Amino acid sequence: MLEQVVAAFVGRADVGHLGLLLWAASASGLAWLVLRELTAANRRFDDFVRELNRFNARHEGDPS
């Protein structure tokens, strides 16, 4: 499949377009990976803030 796509691009002398396609695909993949990691970091931070809020509510008015 990939060989056919590359052969079609090279046969038409669209090597520049092939490079652009590969760049766009890799940039999109990288953006998806970064967005996934950012979502996970946001979820972990939200869990931390919830736990901190729970801790503060539990120890509110504690004289020690």
PDB file of N, CA and C in Angstrom:
ATOM      1  N   MET A   1       0.830  -1.194   0.000  1.00  0.00           N
ATOM      2  CA  MET A   1       0.000   0.000   0.000  1.00  0.00           C
ATOM      3  C   MET A   1       0.872   1.253   0.000  1.00  0.00           C
ATOM      4  N   LEU A   2       1.811   1.333   0.943  1.00  0.00           N
ATOM      5  CA  LEU A   2       2.680   2.509   1.029  1.00  0.00           C
ATOM      6  C   LEU A   2       3.565   2.622  -0.205  1.00  0.00           C
ATOM      7  N   GLU A   3       4.030   1.483  -0.704  1.00  0.00           N
ATOM      8  CA  GLU A   3       4.873   1.496  -1.903  1.00  0.00           C
ATOM      9  C   GLU A   3       4.109   2.020  -3.107  1.00  0.00           C
ATOM     10  N   GLN A   4       2.828   1.686  -3.197  1.00  0.00           N
ATOM     11  CA  GLN A   4       2.003   2.168  -4.307  1.00  0.00           C
ATOM     12  C   GLN A   4       1.816   3.682  -4.228  1.00  0.00           C
ATOM     13  N   VAL A   5       1.611   4.188  -3.022  1.00  0.00           N
ATOM     14  CA  VAL A   5       1.436   5.631  -2.843  1.00  0.00           C
ATOM     15  C   VAL A   5       2.721   6.362  -3.206  1.00  0.00           C
ATOM     16  N   VAL A   6       3.849   5.857  -2.725  1.00  0.00           N
ATOM     17  CA  VAL A   6       5.137   6.486  -3.032  1.00  0.00           C
ATOM     18  C   VAL A   6       5.409   6.420  -4.528  1.00  0.00           C
ATOM     19  N   ALA A   7       5.128   5.275  -5.153  1.00  0.00           N
ATOM     20  CA  ALA A   7       5.354   5.139  -6.594  1.00  0.00           C
ATOM     21  C   ALA A   7       4.470   6.101  -7.377  1.00  0.00           C
ATOM     22  N   ALA A   8       3.239   6.304  -6.939  1.00  0.00           N
ATOM     23  CA  ALA A   8       2.344   7.242  -7.626  1.00  0.00           C
ATOM     24  C   ALA A   8       2.867   8.670  -7.517  1.00  0.00           C
ATOM     25  N   PHE A   9       3.352   9.048  -6.357  1.00  0.00           N
ATOM     26  CA  PHE A   9       3.887  10.401  -6.188  1.00  0.00           C
ATOM     27  C   PHE A   9       5.172  10.586  -6.993  1.00  0.00           C
ATOM     28  N   VAL A  10       6.070   9.624  -6.942  1.00  0.00           N
ATOM     29  CA  VAL A  10       7.346   9.738  -7.647  1.00  0.00           C
ATOM     30  C   VAL A  10       7.120   9.685  -9.154  1.00  0.00           C
ATOM     31  N   GLY A  11       6.172   8.861  -9.605  1.00  0.00           N
ATOM     32  CA  GLY A  11       5.868   8.760 -11.032  1.00  0.00           C
ATOM     33  C   GLY A  11       5.366  10.060 -11.608  1.00  0.00           C
ATOM     34  N   ARG A  12       4.700  10.843 -10.833  1.00  0.00           N
ATOM     35  CA  ARG A  12       4.185  12.132 -11.300  1.00  0.00           C
ATOM     36  C   ARG A  12       5.126  13.285 -10.941  1.00  0.00           C
ATOM     37  N   ALA A  13       6.262  12.976 -10.379  1.00  0.00           N
ATOM     38  CA  ALA A  13       7.249  13.974  -9.957  1.00  0.00           C
ATOM     39  C   ALA A  13       6.681  14.898  -8.886  1.00  0.00           C
ATOM     40  N   ASP A  14       5.857  14.349  -8.007  1.00  0.00           N
ATOM     41  CA  ASP A  14       5.275  15.106  -6.902  1.00  0.00           C
ATOM     42  C   ASP A  14       6.004  14.798  -5.600  1.00  0.00           C
ATOM     43  N   VAL A  15       7.312  14.774  -5.653  1.00  0.00           N
ATOM     44  CA  VAL A  15       8.101  14.447  -4.472  1.00  0.00           C
ATOM     45  C   VAL A  15       7.922  15.523  -3.404  1.00  0.00           C
ATOM     46  N   GLY A  16       7.786  16.766  -3.832  1.00  0.00           N
ATOM     47  CA  GLY A  16       7.547  17.853  -2.876  1.00  0.00           C
ATOM     48  C   GLY A  16       6.234  17.664  -2.141  1.00  0.00           C
ATOM     49  N   HIS A  17       5.219  17.220  -2.885  1.00  0.00           N
ATOM     50  CA  HIS A  17       3.931  16.964  -2.246  1.00  0.00           C
ATOM     51  C   HIS A  17       4.015  15.779  -1.284  1.00  0.00           C
ATOM     52  N   LEU A  18       4.813  14.785  -1.647  1.00  0.00           N
ATOM     53  CA  LEU A  18       5.001  13.643  -0.750  1.00  0.00           C
ATOM     54  C   LEU A  18       5.670  14.093   0.538  1.00  0.00           C
ATOM     55  N   GLY A  19       6.672  14.954   0.428  1.00  0.00           N
ATOM     56  CA  GLY A  19       7.325  15.488   1.627  1.00  0.00           C
ATOM     57  C   GLY A  19       6.358  16.290   2.473  1.00  0.00           C
ATOM     58  N   LEU A  20       5.526  17.083   1.819  1.00  0.00           N
ATOM     59  CA  LEU A  20       4.528  17.871   2.543  1.00  0.00           C
ATOM     60  C   LEU A  20       3.517  16.965   3.236  1.00  0.00           C
ATOM     61  N   LEU A  21       3.104  15.905   2.561  1.00  0.00           N
ATOM     62  CA  LEU A  21       2.168  14.950   3.161  1.00  0.00           C
ATOM     63  C   LEU A  21       2.785  14.277   4.381  1.00  0.00           C
ATOM     64  N   LEU A  22       4.031  13.857   4.268  1.00  0.00           N
ATOM     65  CA  LEU A  22       4.704  13.214   5.399  1.00  0.00           C
ATOM     66  C   LEU A  22       4.883  14.189   6.555  1.00  0.00           C
ATOM     67  N   TRP A  23       5.220  15.447   6.248  1.00  0.00           N
ATOM     68  CA  TRP A  23       5.360  16.459   7.291  1.00  0.00           C
ATOM     69  C   TRP A  23       4.027  16.696   7.985  1.00  0.00           C
ATOM     70  N   ALA A  24       2.953  16.825   7.215  1.00  0.00           N
ATOM     71  CA  ALA A  24       1.633  17.080   7.797  1.00  0.00           C
ATOM     72  C   ALA A  24       1.182  15.900   8.657  1.00  0.00           C
ATOM     73  N   ALA A  25       1.435  14.693   8.188  1.00  0.00           N
ATOM     74  CA  ALA A  25       1.039  13.513   8.958  1.00  0.00           C
ATOM     75  C   ALA A  25       1.828  13.423  10.264  1.00  0.00           C
ATOM     76  N   SER A  26       3.124  13.685  10.197  1.00  0.00           N
ATOM     77  CA  SER A  26       3.925  13.607  11.425  1.00  0.00           C
ATOM     78  C   SER A  26       3.579  14.748  12.382  1.00  0.00           C
ATOM     79  N   ALA A  27       3.305  15.937  11.861  1.00  0.00           N
ATOM     80  CA  ALA A  27       2.918  17.056  12.724  1.00  0.00           C
ATOM     81  C   ALA A  27       1.569  16.788  13.386  1.00  0.00           C
ATOM     82  N   SER A  28       0.645  16.204  12.646  1.00  0.00           N
ATOM     83  CA  SER A  28      -0.663  15.871  13.221  1.00  0.00           C
ATOM     84  C   SER A  28      -0.524  14.797  14.298  1.00  0.00           C
ATOM     85  N   GLY A  29       0.313  13.804  14.035  1.00  0.00           N
ATOM     86  CA  GLY A  29       0.544  12.763  15.033  1.00  0.00           C
ATOM     87  C   GLY A  29       1.181  13.316  16.297  1.00  0.00           C
ATOM     88  N   LEU A  30       2.131  14.213  16.131  1.00  0.00           N
ATOM     89  CA  LEU A  30       2.783  14.831  17.282  1.00  0.00           C
ATOM     90  C   LEU A  30       1.794  15.696  18.062  1.00  0.00           C
ATOM     91  N   ALA A  31       0.957  16.435  17.354  1.00  0.00           N
ATOM     92  CA  ALA A  31      -0.054  17.262  18.029  1.00  0.00           C
ATOM     93  C   ALA A  31      -1.029  16.390  18.810  1.00  0.00           C
ATOM     94  N   TRP A  32      -1.423  15.257  18.243  1.00  0.00           N
ATOM     95  CA  TRP A  32      -2.329  14.342  18.937  1.00  0.00           C
ATOM     96  C   TRP A  32      -1.659  13.795  20.201  1.00  0.00           C
ATOM     97  N   LEU A  33      -0.387  13.434  20.107  1.00  0.00           N
ATOM     98  CA  LEU A  33       0.345  12.917  21.260  1.00  0.00           C
ATOM     99  C   LEU A  33       0.461  13.976  22.356  1.00  0.00           C
ATOM    100  N   VAL A  34       0.785  15.201  21.979  1.00  0.00           N
ATOM    101  CA  VAL A  34       0.911  16.289  22.953  1.00  0.00           C
ATOM    102  C   VAL A  34      -0.431  16.575  23.613  1.00  0.00           C
ATOM    103  N   LEU A  35      -1.501  16.575  22.830  1.00  0.00           N
ATOM    104  CA  LEU A  35      -2.832  16.822  23.381  1.00  0.00           C
ATOM    105  C   LEU A  35      -3.237  15.716  24.353  1.00  0.00           C
ATOM    106  N   ARG A  36      -2.898  14.478  24.024  1.00  0.00           N
ATOM    107  CA  ARG A  36      -3.203  13.358  24.922  1.00  0.00           C
ATOM    108  C   ARG A  36      -2.451  13.496  26.245  1.00  0.00           C
ATOM    109  N   GLU A  37      -1.170  13.862  26.178  1.00  0.00           N
ATOM    110  CA  GLU A  37      -0.380  14.039  27.395  1.00  0.00           C
ATOM    111  C   GLU A  37      -0.863  15.236  28.207  1.00  0.00           C
ATOM    112  N   LEU A  38      -1.250  16.297  27.533  1.00  0.00           N
ATOM    113  CA  LEU A  38      -1.771  17.473  28.222  1.00  0.00           C
ATOM    114  C   LEU A  38      -3.083  17.155  28.936  1.00  0.00           C
ATOM    115  N   THR A  39      -3.924  16.359  28.301  1.00  0.00           N
ATOM    116  CA  THR A  39      -5.176  15.938  28.929  1.00  0.00           C
ATOM    117  C   THR A  39      -4.901  15.099  30.173  1.00  0.00           C
ATOM    118  N   ALA A  40      -3.937  14.193  30.087  1.00  0.00           N
ATOM    119  CA  ALA A  40      -3.589  13.366  31.244  1.00  0.00           C
ATOM    120  C   ALA A  40      -3.013  14.220  32.371  1.00  0.00           C
ATOM    121  N   ALA A  41      -2.178  15.196  32.039  1.00  0.00           N
ATOM    122  CA  ALA A  41      -1.609  16.073  33.066  1.00  0.00           C
ATOM    123  C   ALA A  41      -2.699  16.911  33.720  1.00  0.00           C
ATOM    124  N   ASN A  42      -3.647  17.375  32.937  1.00  0.00           N
ATOM    125  CA  ASN A  42      -4.758  18.153  33.479  1.00  0.00           C
ATOM    126  C   ASN A  42      -5.604  17.303  34.423  1.00  0.00           C
ATOM    127  N   ARG A  43      -5.803  16.045  34.064  1.00  0.00           N
ATOM    128  CA  ARG A  43      -6.572  15.136  34.918  1.00  0.00           C
ATOM    129  C   ARG A  43      -5.843  14.886  36.241  1.00  0.00           C
ATOM    130  N   ARG A  44      -4.521  14.692  36.172  1.00  0.00           N
ATOM    131  CA  ARG A  44      -3.752  14.478  37.401  1.00  0.00           C
ATOM    132  C   ARG A  44      -3.770  15.715  38.288  1.00  0.00           C
ATOM    133  N   PHE A  45      -3.659  16.898  37.702  1.00  0.00           N
ATOM    134  CA  PHE A  45      -3.699  18.130  38.477  1.00  0.00           C
ATOM    135  C   PHE A  45      -5.072  18.309  39.118  1.00  0.00           C
ATOM    136  N   ASP A  46      -6.131  17.990  38.393  1.00  0.00           N
ATOM    137  CA  ASP A  46      -7.480  18.091  38.939  1.00  0.00           C
ATOM    138  C   ASP A  46      -7.651  17.131  40.117  1.00  0.00           C
ATOM    139  N   ASP A  47      -7.129  15.916  40.003  1.00  0.00           N
ATOM    140  CA  ASP A  47      -7.187  14.966  41.117  1.00  0.00           C
ATOM    141  C   ASP A  47      -6.430  15.500  42.331  1.00  0.00           C
ATOM    142  N   PHE A  48      -5.273  16.115  42.094  1.00  0.00           N
ATOM    143  CA  PHE A  48      -4.483  16.685  43.181  1.00  0.00           C
ATOM    144  C   PHE A  48      -5.246  17.803  43.891  1.00  0.00           C
ATOM    145  N   VAL A  49      -5.861  18.695  43.122  1.00  0.00           N
ATOM    146  CA  VAL A  49      -6.603  19.807  43.718  1.00  0.00           C
ATOM    147  C   VAL A  49      -7.803  19.293  44.504  1.00  0.00           C
ATOM    148  N   ARG A  50      -8.488  18.286  43.989  1.00  0.00           N
ATOM    149  CA  ARG A  50      -9.623  17.703  44.720  1.00  0.00           C
ATOM    150  C   ARG A  50      -9.171  17.087  46.043  1.00  0.00           C
ATOM    151  N   GLU A  51      -8.050  16.387  46.001  1.00  0.00           N
ATOM    152  CA  GLU A  51      -7.535  15.763  47.220  1.00  0.00           C
ATOM    153  C   GLU A  51      -7.087  16.825  48.217  1.00  0.00           C
ATOM    154  N   LEU A  52      -6.472  17.886  47.749  1.00  0.00           N
ATOM    155  CA  LEU A  52      -6.069  18.984  48.620  1.00  0.00           C
ATOM    156  C   LEU A  52      -7.287  19.656  49.245  1.00  0.00           C
ATOM    157  N   ASN A  53      -8.336  19.825  48.477  1.00  0.00           N
ATOM    158  CA  ASN A  53      -9.575  20.399  48.994  1.00  0.00           C
ATOM    159  C   ASN A  53     -10.190  19.482  50.055  1.00  0.00           C
ATOM    160  N   ARG A  54     -10.154  18.186  49.789  1.00  0.00           N
ATOM    161  CA  ARG A  54     -10.671  17.219  50.761  1.00  0.00           C
ATOM    162  C   ARG A  54      -9.860  17.265  52.056  1.00  0.00           C
ATOM    163  N   PHE A  55      -8.537  17.365  51.930  1.00  0.00           N
ATOM    164  CA  PHE A  55      -7.662  17.451  53.097  1.00  0.00           C
ATOM    165  C   PHE A  55      -7.960  18.709  53.908  1.00  0.00           C
ATOM    166  N   ASN A  56      -8.086  19.843  53.222  1.00  0.00           N
ATOM    167  CA  ASN A  56      -8.368  21.102  53.912  1.00  0.00           C
ATOM    168  C   ASN A  56      -9.725  21.071  54.600  1.00  0.00           C
ATOM    169  N   ALA A  57     -10.709  20.470  53.973  1.00  0.00           N
ATOM    170  CA  ALA A  57     -12.041  20.383  54.584  1.00  0.00           C
ATOM    171  C   ALA A  57     -12.011  19.485  55.817  1.00  0.00           C
ATOM    172  N   ARG A  58     -11.210  18.447  55.775  1.00  0.00           N
ATOM    173  CA  ARG A  58     -11.125  17.513  56.889  1.00  0.00           C
ATOM    174  C   ARG A  58     -10.420  18.138  58.089  1.00  0.00           C
ATOM    175  N   HIS A  59      -9.411  18.983  57.843  1.00  0.00           N
ATOM    176  CA  HIS A  59      -8.613  19.557  58.924  1.00  0.00           C
ATOM    177  C   HIS A  59      -8.942  21.022  59.194  1.00  0.00           C
ATOM    178  N   GLU A  60     -10.094  21.454  58.781  1.00  0.00           N
ATOM    179  CA  GLU A  60     -10.503  22.835  59.015  1.00  0.00           C
ATOM    180  C   GLU A  60     -10.771  23.044  60.502  1.00  0.00           C
ATOM    181  N   GLY A  61     -10.172  24.074  61.065  1.00  0.00           N
ATOM    182  CA  GLY A  61     -10.368  24.369  62.483  1.00  0.00           C
ATOM    183  C   GLY A  61      -9.551  23.484  63.403  1.00  0.00           C
ATOM    184  N   ASP A  62      -8.596  22.740  62.877  1.00  0.00           N
ATOM    185  CA  ASP A  62      -7.738  21.873  63.693  1.00  0.00           C
ATOM    186  C   ASP A  62      -6.694  22.748  64.393  1.00  0.00           C
ATOM    187  N   PRO A  63      -6.644  22.768  65.753  1.00  0.00           N
ATOM    188  CA  PRO A  63      -5.731  23.663  66.463  1.00  0.00           C
ATOM    189  C   PRO A  63      -4.261  23.263  66.342  1.00  0.00           C
ATOM    190  N   SER A  64      -3.962  22.048  65.941  1.00  0.00           N
ATOM    191  CA  SER A  64      -2.563  21.634  65.863  1.00  0.00           C
ATOM    192  C   SER A  64      -2.006  22.122  64.579  1.00  0.00           C
TER     193      SER A  64
END
